[in-house]
């Protein structure tokens, strides 16, 4: 019966704005006349049915019952096809109330569990089944149980006006990010999240006789102001495409002049010139609204699949990079902006277009015999979109490709 009602509600919802919805409004406006006609028809039908022999009445009742059965079954199947289900409602992200809590130097990244109706989800527990770092499966000896607020190991009950909060990740005052586990199993070493990496956590959230499998993405830059934790899949929600997240789209096309941009620099006061190309990423708004204060920073660098820089925030600049404030850009709908990543000179020298600290300055210039992965975090509306820019010298040119950091394995 629940599926039948859900299917009817879904049909009415999808009917908005089309002919079926217009017909329903017409029925409502003419309800009095229609009710009178229906009453007359029913009265006539009842009188006609009373005159029928009993065997025919039995056959007629069976036919009506069979038709009703198939109609109800069809609507129930429709409800199933639309994935209409009553499950544990889970939210997590920078814009979710109570999802990020900072207190006494600690930062908690939490998932909010709050039903919208009168349902209750008692005895909540959560188990981490697997963790991926930059898309690569990490080895877990055992399934880990993580805590709910207030962190005493209790199994709370989530209600409409009394949500429960799951501590997915917490950060200590010493900037150490870790799982808020109930306990570490004997023989299993405690470990922490390393900055400059993106983690994907497969978590099962369970209540009495019901459960939901969730995937959380934790982007850890080493700084709680630029890191984020969000729900990317909960069994009914689909993850965004590769390099799209929310309203932001990042793309690259190596054969296009706007992405491999020819440039000639001239020195001031002399005739010296430098010719080359700037490898740039396209940055667009996917919706008809503008994206304010978009920033991008390199949070880690890999060389030949080994991390050589981490725990940093090296800003990348938007074109024109020599303008003041070019580290921040408003992305207007319908107008592509460009983020400058590499400078490739005609002489063959190639370097990353950002200022490196002295300790890492030897990694600014790229070696043709090596492959590189730049982990870039875009900051928009207090949320983080992480991508990986791969760079490889092949067929006498540098080739770039983009993948979404949390989906390396797809």
Protein backbone atom coordinates (compact mmCIF):
# COMPACT_ATOMS: atom_id res chain seq x y z
CA UNK A 1 0.00 0.00 0.00
CA UNK A 2 2.88 2.36 0.79
CA UNK A 3 4.37 1.82 -2.66
CA UNK A 4 0.97 2.46 -4.26
CA UNK A 5 0.55 5.79 -2.47
CA UNK A 6 4.16 6.75 -3.23
CA UNK A 7 3.65 5.95 -6.89
CA UNK A 8 0.50 8.10 -7.09
CA UNK A 9 2.32 11.00 -5.42
CA UNK A 10 5.22 10.62 -7.84
CA UNK A 11 2.83 10.64 -10.81
CA UNK A 12 1.20 13.84 -9.57
CA UNK A 13 4.60 15.43 -8.97
CA UNK A 14 5.85 14.63 -12.46
CA UNK A 15 2.57 15.77 -14.01
CA UNK A 16 3.22 19.40 -13.07
CA UNK A 17 3.56 21.61 -16.10
CA UNK A 18 2.21 19.13 -18.65
CA UNK A 19 -1.17 18.22 -20.13
CA UNK A 20 -2.03 15.81 -17.31
CA UNK A 21 -1.55 18.54 -14.73
CA UNK A 22 -3.69 20.96 -16.76
CA UNK A 23 -6.42 18.32 -16.96
CA UNK A 24 -6.28 17.84 -13.18
CA UNK A 25 -6.72 21.59 -12.65
CA UNK A 26 -9.71 21.56 -15.04
CA UNK A 27 -11.26 18.76 -13.00
CA UNK A 28 -10.80 20.79 -9.83
CA UNK A 29 -12.42 23.91 -11.31
CA UNK A 30 -15.44 21.92 -12.53
CA UNK A 31 -15.68 19.61 -9.54
CA UNK A 32 -19.36 20.40 -8.76
CA UNK A 33 -20.65 19.64 -12.25
CA UNK A 34 -18.47 16.57 -12.59
CA UNK A 35 -19.62 15.25 -9.20
CA UNK A 36 -23.27 15.63 -10.25
CA UNK A 37 -22.65 13.78 -13.51
CA UNK A 38 -20.77 10.99 -11.73
CA UNK A 39 -23.55 10.64 -9.13
CA UNK A 40 -26.13 10.31 -11.91
CA UNK A 41 -24.03 7.71 -13.70
CA UNK A 42 -23.48 5.72 -10.50
CA UNK A 43 -27.20 5.75 -9.72
CA UNK A 44 -28.01 4.50 -13.20
CA UNK A 45 -25.25 1.89 -13.07
CA UNK A 46 -26.43 0.57 -9.71
CA UNK A 47 -29.98 0.21 -11.03
CA UNK A 48 -28.69 -1.60 -14.12
CA UNK A 49 -26.43 -3.91 -12.10
CA UNK A 50 -29.32 -4.92 -9.82
CA UNK A 51 -31.14 -6.28 -12.85
CA UNK A 52 -28.23 -8.54 -13.84
CA UNK A 53 -28.31 -12.28 -13.03
CA UNK A 54 -26.09 -13.44 -10.17
CA UNK A 55 -23.57 -15.36 -12.36
CA UNK A 56 -22.94 -12.25 -14.46
CA UNK A 57 -22.49 -10.16 -11.31
CA UNK A 58 -19.86 -12.60 -10.05
CA UNK A 59 -17.98 -12.50 -13.37
CA UNK A 60 -18.17 -8.69 -13.42
CA UNK A 61 -16.79 -8.47 -9.86
CA UNK A 62 -13.90 -10.77 -10.80
CA UNK A 63 -13.06 -8.68 -13.86
CA UNK A 64 -13.08 -5.45 -11.83
CA UNK A 65 -10.91 -7.08 -9.16
CA UNK A 66 -8.36 -8.31 -11.72
CA UNK A 67 -8.17 -4.88 -13.36
CA UNK A 68 -7.71 -3.18 -9.97
CA UNK A 69 -4.98 -5.66 -9.05
CA UNK A 70 -2.98 -4.97 -12.20
CA UNK A 71 -3.41 -1.19 -11.86
CA UNK A 72 -2.13 -1.23 -8.27
CA UNK A 73 0.73 -3.54 -9.23
CA UNK A 74 1.69 -1.29 -12.15
CA UNK A 75 1.80 1.79 -9.93
CA UNK A 76 3.86 -0.09 -7.33
CA UNK A 77 6.36 -1.08 -10.02
CA UNK A 78 6.49 2.52 -11.17
CA UNK A 79 7.31 3.54 -7.62
CA UNK A 80 10.13 0.98 -7.54
CA UNK A 81 11.51 2.23 -10.85
CA UNK A 82 11.68 5.75 -9.44
CA UNK A 83 13.52 4.48 -6.37
CA UNK A 84 10.88 5.81 -4.04
CA UNK A 85 11.88 4.45 -0.70
CA UNK A 86 11.86 5.34 2.93
CA UNK A 87 15.44 5.09 4.17
CA UNK A 88 17.78 6.70 6.63
CA UNK A 89 18.10 10.35 5.52
CA UNK A 90 21.75 11.40 5.46
CA UNK A 91 23.23 14.83 4.69
CA UNK A 92 26.83 15.97 4.84
CA UNK A 93 28.59 19.00 3.39
CA UNK A 94 29.76 22.54 4.10
CA UNK A 95 26.25 23.94 3.61
CA UNK A 96 24.50 21.38 5.84
CA UNK A 97 23.57 22.78 9.24
CA UNK A 98 25.73 21.28 11.97
CA UNK A 99 27.93 19.39 9.51
CA UNK A 100 31.10 21.33 10.37
CA UNK A 101 31.61 22.14 14.05
CA UNK A 102 34.64 23.87 15.55
CA UNK A 103 35.07 23.92 19.30
CA UNK A 104 38.06 24.28 21.63
CA UNK A 105 40.51 23.81 18.78
CA UNK A 106 38.82 20.66 17.48
CA UNK A 107 36.98 20.46 14.16
CA UNK A 108 34.30 17.83 13.54
CA UNK A 109 33.06 16.92 10.07
CA UNK A 110 29.65 15.36 10.67
CA UNK A 111 26.82 13.71 8.79
CA UNK A 112 23.35 14.91 9.77
CA UNK A 113 20.57 12.32 10.12
CA UNK A 114 17.12 13.85 10.46
CA UNK A 115 13.82 12.43 9.14
CA UNK A 116 11.35 14.90 7.65
CA UNK A 117 8.28 13.04 8.89
CA UNK A 118 7.30 11.28 12.08
CA UNK A 119 9.64 8.36 11.53
CA UNK A 120 12.31 7.51 14.05
CA UNK A 121 15.64 5.76 13.55
CA UNK A 122 16.71 4.28 16.90
CA UNK A 123 19.96 2.58 17.90
CA UNK A 124 22.03 4.15 15.15
CA UNK A 125 25.51 2.77 14.55
CA UNK A 126 28.02 3.33 11.73
CA UNK A 127 30.78 1.14 10.33
CA UNK A 128 33.59 2.06 7.92
CA UNK A 129 34.00 -0.78 5.43
CA UNK A 130 36.65 0.67 3.14
CA UNK A 131 38.74 3.78 2.48
CA UNK A 132 40.29 4.98 -0.77
CA UNK A 133 43.09 7.52 -0.93
CA UNK A 134 43.19 9.38 -4.24
CA UNK A 135 41.09 6.57 -5.67
CA UNK A 136 43.40 3.76 -4.51
CA UNK A 137 42.01 1.24 -2.03
CA UNK A 138 43.72 1.33 1.36
CA UNK A 139 44.19 -1.82 3.38
CA UNK A 140 41.89 -2.11 6.39
CA UNK A 141 42.39 -5.14 8.60
CA UNK A 142 38.92 -4.83 10.11
CA UNK A 143 35.67 -2.93 9.81
CA UNK A 144 35.84 0.16 12.03
CA UNK A 145 32.93 1.50 14.04
CA UNK A 146 32.84 5.30 14.31
CA UNK A 147 31.08 7.44 16.89
CA UNK A 148 28.03 9.64 16.94
CA UNK A 149 27.88 12.93 18.81
CA UNK A 150 28.53 13.39 21.75
CA UNK A 151 31.28 10.82 21.25
CA UNK A 152 30.53 8.58 24.24
CA UNK A 153 29.91 5.51 22.10
CA UNK A 154 26.13 5.62 22.48
CA UNK A 155 23.71 4.66 19.70
CA UNK A 156 21.34 7.65 19.38
CA UNK A 157 17.85 7.91 17.93
CA UNK A 158 17.18 10.34 15.05
CA UNK A 159 13.80 12.11 15.10
CA UNK A 160 12.14 14.89 13.11
CA UNK A 161 13.06 17.65 15.56
CA UNK A 162 16.02 15.90 17.14
CA UNK A 163 18.68 14.96 14.54
CA UNK A 164 21.61 12.65 15.15
CA UNK A 165 25.13 13.56 14.05
CA UNK A 166 27.76 11.07 12.93
CA UNK A 167 31.39 12.11 13.44
CA UNK A 168 32.85 11.07 10.09
CA UNK A 169 36.22 12.80 10.62
CA UNK A 170 37.62 14.97 13.37
CA UNK A 171 40.71 17.17 13.52
CA UNK A 172 42.71 17.80 16.68
CA UNK A 173 44.11 21.21 17.71
CA UNK A 174 47.45 19.96 16.34
CA UNK A 175 45.85 19.69 12.86
CA UNK A 176 45.80 15.89 12.93
CA UNK A 177 42.81 14.50 11.01
CA UNK A 178 41.57 11.07 12.00
CA UNK A 179 38.54 8.81 12.26
CA UNK A 180 36.49 9.13 15.45
CA UNK A 181 36.51 5.38 16.03
CA UNK A 182 34.80 3.71 18.95
CA UNK A 183 38.03 1.76 19.49
CA UNK A 184 40.98 0.56 17.45
CA UNK A 185 40.93 -3.24 17.19
CA UNK A 186 43.85 -5.04 18.86
CA UNK A 187 46.79 -5.40 16.52
CA UNK A 188 45.59 -2.63 14.21
CA UNK A 189 47.77 0.47 14.21
CA UNK A 190 46.14 3.86 14.65
CA UNK A 191 46.51 5.97 11.55
CA UNK A 192 45.66 9.51 10.45
CA UNK A 193 44.66 11.22 7.21
CA UNK A 194 47.63 12.70 5.34
CA UNK A 195 47.28 16.25 4.08
CA UNK A 196 47.22 16.87 0.34
CA UNK A 197 45.09 13.81 -0.38
CA UNK A 198 41.45 13.03 -1.08
CA UNK A 199 39.75 10.20 0.74
CA UNK A 200 36.62 8.26 -0.09
CA UNK A 201 34.97 6.49 2.85
CA UNK A 202 32.47 3.67 2.41
CA UNK A 203 30.28 3.80 5.52
CA UNK A 204 27.28 1.67 6.48
CA UNK A 205 24.74 3.50 8.67
CA UNK A 206 22.41 1.13 10.49
CA UNK A 207 19.26 1.44 12.57
CA UNK A 208 16.76 -1.17 13.73
CA UNK A 209 15.88 -3.33 10.67
CA UNK A 210 17.10 -0.71 8.19
CA UNK A 211 20.46 0.44 6.83
CA UNK A 212 22.01 2.71 4.23
CA UNK A 213 25.39 2.55 2.54
CA UNK A 214 27.01 5.98 2.11
CA UNK A 215 30.14 7.27 0.41
CA UNK A 216 31.80 10.32 1.93
CA UNK A 217 34.55 12.35 0.30
CA UNK A 218 37.05 13.97 2.65
CA UNK A 219 39.44 16.50 1.07
CA UNK A 220 42.23 17.18 3.56
CA UNK A 221 44.52 20.10 2.75
CA UNK A 222 46.04 20.31 6.22
CA UNK A 223 43.90 23.38 7.00
CA UNK A 224 40.34 23.06 8.31
CA UNK A 225 39.37 26.32 6.58
CA UNK A 226 40.03 24.86 3.12
CA UNK A 227 39.23 21.19 3.73
CA UNK A 228 35.80 19.63 3.32
CA UNK A 229 33.76 16.50 3.90
CA UNK A 230 30.63 15.76 1.92
CA UNK A 231 28.27 12.97 0.96
CA UNK A 232 28.84 11.94 -2.65
CA UNK A 233 26.58 8.88 -2.80
CA UNK A 234 23.99 7.31 -0.52
CA UNK A 235 22.48 4.63 -2.69
CA UNK A 236 19.98 7.00 -4.29
CA UNK A 237 22.08 10.03 -5.12
CA UNK A 238 24.54 9.83 -7.99
CA UNK A 239 27.98 11.36 -7.89
CA UNK A 240 28.69 14.29 -10.19
CA UNK A 241 30.48 13.66 -13.49
CA UNK A 242 34.26 13.57 -13.55
CA UNK A 243 35.24 17.20 -13.13
CA UNK A 244 31.86 18.71 -12.39
CA UNK A 245 30.74 19.37 -8.87
CA UNK A 246 27.74 21.52 -8.14
CA UNK A 247 27.91 24.54 -10.43
CA UNK A 248 31.60 24.37 -11.36
CA UNK A 249 32.97 22.68 -14.48
CA UNK A 250 36.69 22.34 -15.22
CA UNK A 251 37.90 21.08 -18.60
CA UNK A 252 40.96 20.93 -20.84
CA UNK A 253 41.50 20.29 -24.55
CA UNK A 254 45.13 20.04 -25.59
CA UNK A 255 44.49 20.65 -29.30
CA UNK A 256 42.71 23.95 -28.66
CA UNK A 257 44.58 27.25 -28.77
CA UNK A 258 42.65 28.61 -25.80
CA UNK A 259 43.99 25.78 -23.62
CA UNK A 260 47.49 25.77 -25.15
CA UNK A 261 47.75 29.54 -25.38
CA UNK A 262 50.66 31.02 -27.43
CA UNK A 263 52.31 33.91 -25.57
CA UNK A 264 55.23 36.28 -26.18
CA UNK A 265 56.71 38.10 -23.19
CA UNK A 266 58.83 41.22 -23.59
CA UNK A 267 61.21 42.49 -20.94
CA UNK A 268 60.89 46.09 -19.80
CA UNK A 269 63.57 48.44 -21.10
CA UNK A 270 65.09 45.95 -23.55
CA UNK A 271 64.30 44.07 -26.72
CA UNK A 272 64.51 40.63 -25.12
CA UNK A 273 61.51 38.38 -25.72
CA UNK A 274 60.39 34.96 -24.56
CA UNK A 275 58.02 32.87 -26.59
CA UNK A 276 56.09 29.86 -25.49
CA UNK A 277 52.69 28.56 -24.47
CA UNK A 278 50.65 28.57 -21.29
CA UNK A 279 48.67 25.43 -20.54
CA UNK A 280 45.32 26.61 -19.15
CA UNK A 281 42.22 24.94 -17.74
CA UNK A 282 38.77 26.11 -18.77
CA UNK A 283 36.55 27.04 -15.84
CA UNK A 284 32.81 27.47 -16.44
CA UNK A 285 29.57 27.89 -14.54
CA UNK A 286 27.16 25.06 -15.29
CA UNK A 287 24.05 26.92 -14.17
CA UNK A 288 22.57 30.28 -15.12
CA UNK A 289 23.95 31.91 -12.02
CA UNK A 290 27.41 33.32 -11.48
CA UNK A 291 30.04 31.73 -9.25
CA UNK A 292 31.60 34.27 -6.92
CA UNK A 293 35.12 34.22 -5.49
CA UNK A 294 36.42 31.07 -7.16
CA UNK A 295 39.96 30.16 -6.10
CA UNK A 296 42.30 27.30 -6.97
CA UNK A 297 45.35 26.05 -5.09
CA UNK A 298 47.78 23.18 -5.52
CA UNK A 299 47.59 21.09 -2.36
CA UNK A 300 50.08 18.39 -3.34
CA UNK A 301 52.36 17.30 -6.17
CA UNK A 302 53.30 13.80 -7.25
CA UNK A 303 56.30 12.91 -9.39
CA UNK A 304 56.42 9.43 -10.90
CA UNK A 305 53.52 8.39 -8.61
CA UNK A 306 55.38 9.50 -5.46
CA UNK A 307 54.30 12.49 -3.38
CA UNK A 308 57.05 15.12 -3.36
CA UNK A 309 55.04 18.06 -1.98
CA UNK A 310 52.11 17.97 0.44
CA UNK A 311 50.53 20.09 3.13
CA UNK A 312 50.77 23.24 1.01
CA UNK A 313 48.41 25.70 -0.65
CA UNK A 314 50.08 27.13 -3.73
CA UNK A 315 47.70 29.53 -5.52
CA UNK A 316 47.15 29.29 -9.26
CA UNK A 317 46.19 32.45 -11.15
CA UNK A 318 43.46 33.19 -13.65
CA UNK A 319 44.21 34.92 -16.96
CA UNK A 320 45.37 37.70 -17.07
CA UNK A 321 47.72 36.58 -14.32
CA UNK A 322 49.48 39.94 -14.02
CA UNK A 323 46.28 41.66 -12.85
CA UNK A 324 45.97 42.33 -9.11
CA UNK A 325 43.73 39.78 -7.41
CA UNK A 326 43.99 37.25 -10.25
CA UNK A 327 43.99 34.43 -7.69
CA UNK A 328 40.24 35.02 -7.27
CA UNK A 329 37.74 35.10 -10.12
CA UNK A 330 34.00 35.48 -10.62
CA UNK A 331 32.86 32.83 -13.11
CA UNK A 332 29.97 34.33 -15.07
CA UNK A 333 27.51 32.01 -16.76
CA UNK A 334 28.28 31.70 -20.47
CA UNK A 335 31.77 33.19 -20.11
CA UNK A 336 34.76 30.86 -19.84
CA UNK A 337 37.62 31.82 -17.55
CA UNK A 338 41.09 30.30 -17.76
CA UNK A 339 43.33 29.02 -14.98
CA UNK A 340 47.04 29.07 -15.83
CA UNK A 341 48.86 25.86 -14.88
CA UNK A 342 52.10 25.45 -16.88
CA UNK A 343 54.51 27.73 -18.74
CA UNK A 344 56.10 25.89 -21.70
CA UNK A 345 58.85 27.90 -23.37
CA UNK A 346 59.96 27.43 -26.98
CA UNK A 347 63.35 26.41 -25.63
CA UNK A 348 61.72 23.41 -23.97
CA UNK A 349 61.82 24.54 -20.35
CA UNK A 350 58.54 23.88 -18.53
CA UNK A 351 57.49 25.03 -15.08
CA UNK A 352 54.41 25.16 -12.89
CA UNK A 353 52.93 28.66 -12.82
CA UNK A 354 52.94 29.32 -9.10
CA UNK A 355 55.44 30.53 -6.53
CA UNK A 356 57.04 27.65 -4.66
CA UNK A 357 58.48 27.94 -1.14
CA UNK A 358 62.26 27.76 -1.12
CA UNK A 359 62.20 24.24 0.34
CA UNK A 360 60.26 22.99 -2.71
CA UNK A 361 61.68 25.28 -5.39
CA UNK A 362 63.48 22.39 -7.13
CA UNK A 363 60.06 20.95 -8.06
CA UNK A 364 58.87 24.06 -9.89
CA UNK A 365 60.47 22.98 -13.18
CA UNK A 366 59.24 19.79 -14.82
CA UNK A 367 61.45 17.00 -16.12
CA UNK A 368 60.50 15.53 -19.50
CA UNK A 369 61.41 12.02 -18.35
CA UNK A 370 58.96 12.13 -15.45
CA UNK A 371 55.20 12.15 -15.07
CA UNK A 372 53.41 14.52 -12.72
CA UNK A 373 50.09 14.77 -10.91
CA UNK A 374 48.99 18.14 -9.56
CA UNK A 375 46.27 17.91 -6.92
CA UNK A 376 44.23 21.09 -7.29
CA UNK A 377 41.47 22.22 -4.93
CA UNK A 378 38.88 24.73 -6.16
CA UNK A 379 37.21 26.74 -3.42
CA UNK A 380 33.66 27.94 -4.17
CA UNK A 381 30.99 28.99 -1.65
CA UNK A 382 32.90 27.41 1.25
CA UNK A 383 32.97 24.05 -0.53
CA UNK A 384 35.91 22.27 -2.12
CA UNK A 385 36.07 20.66 -5.56
CA UNK A 386 39.21 18.57 -5.95
CA UNK A 387 40.71 17.49 -9.26
CA UNK A 388 43.98 15.96 -10.39
CA UNK A 389 45.85 17.40 -13.37
CA UNK A 390 48.16 14.81 -14.90
CA UNK A 391 51.10 16.08 -16.97
CA UNK A 392 53.27 13.92 -19.23
CA UNK A 393 55.77 14.74 -21.98
CA UNK A 394 54.81 12.63 -24.98
CA UNK A 395 55.36 12.94 -28.74
CA UNK A 396 57.47 16.10 -28.33
CA UNK A 397 54.88 17.99 -26.30
CA UNK A 398 53.46 18.20 -22.80
CA UNK A 399 50.04 16.58 -22.54
CA UNK A 400 47.59 17.29 -19.74
CA UNK A 401 44.52 15.39 -18.60
CA UNK A 402 42.03 15.97 -15.80
CA UNK A 403 40.33 13.50 -13.53
CA UNK A 404 38.20 14.05 -10.48
CA UNK A 405 40.28 13.16 -7.46
CA UNK A 406 37.64 10.97 -5.79
CA UNK A 407 37.05 8.93 -8.92
CA UNK A 408 40.52 7.81 -9.96
CA UNK A 409 39.39 4.22 -10.19
CA UNK A 410 36.52 4.83 -12.61
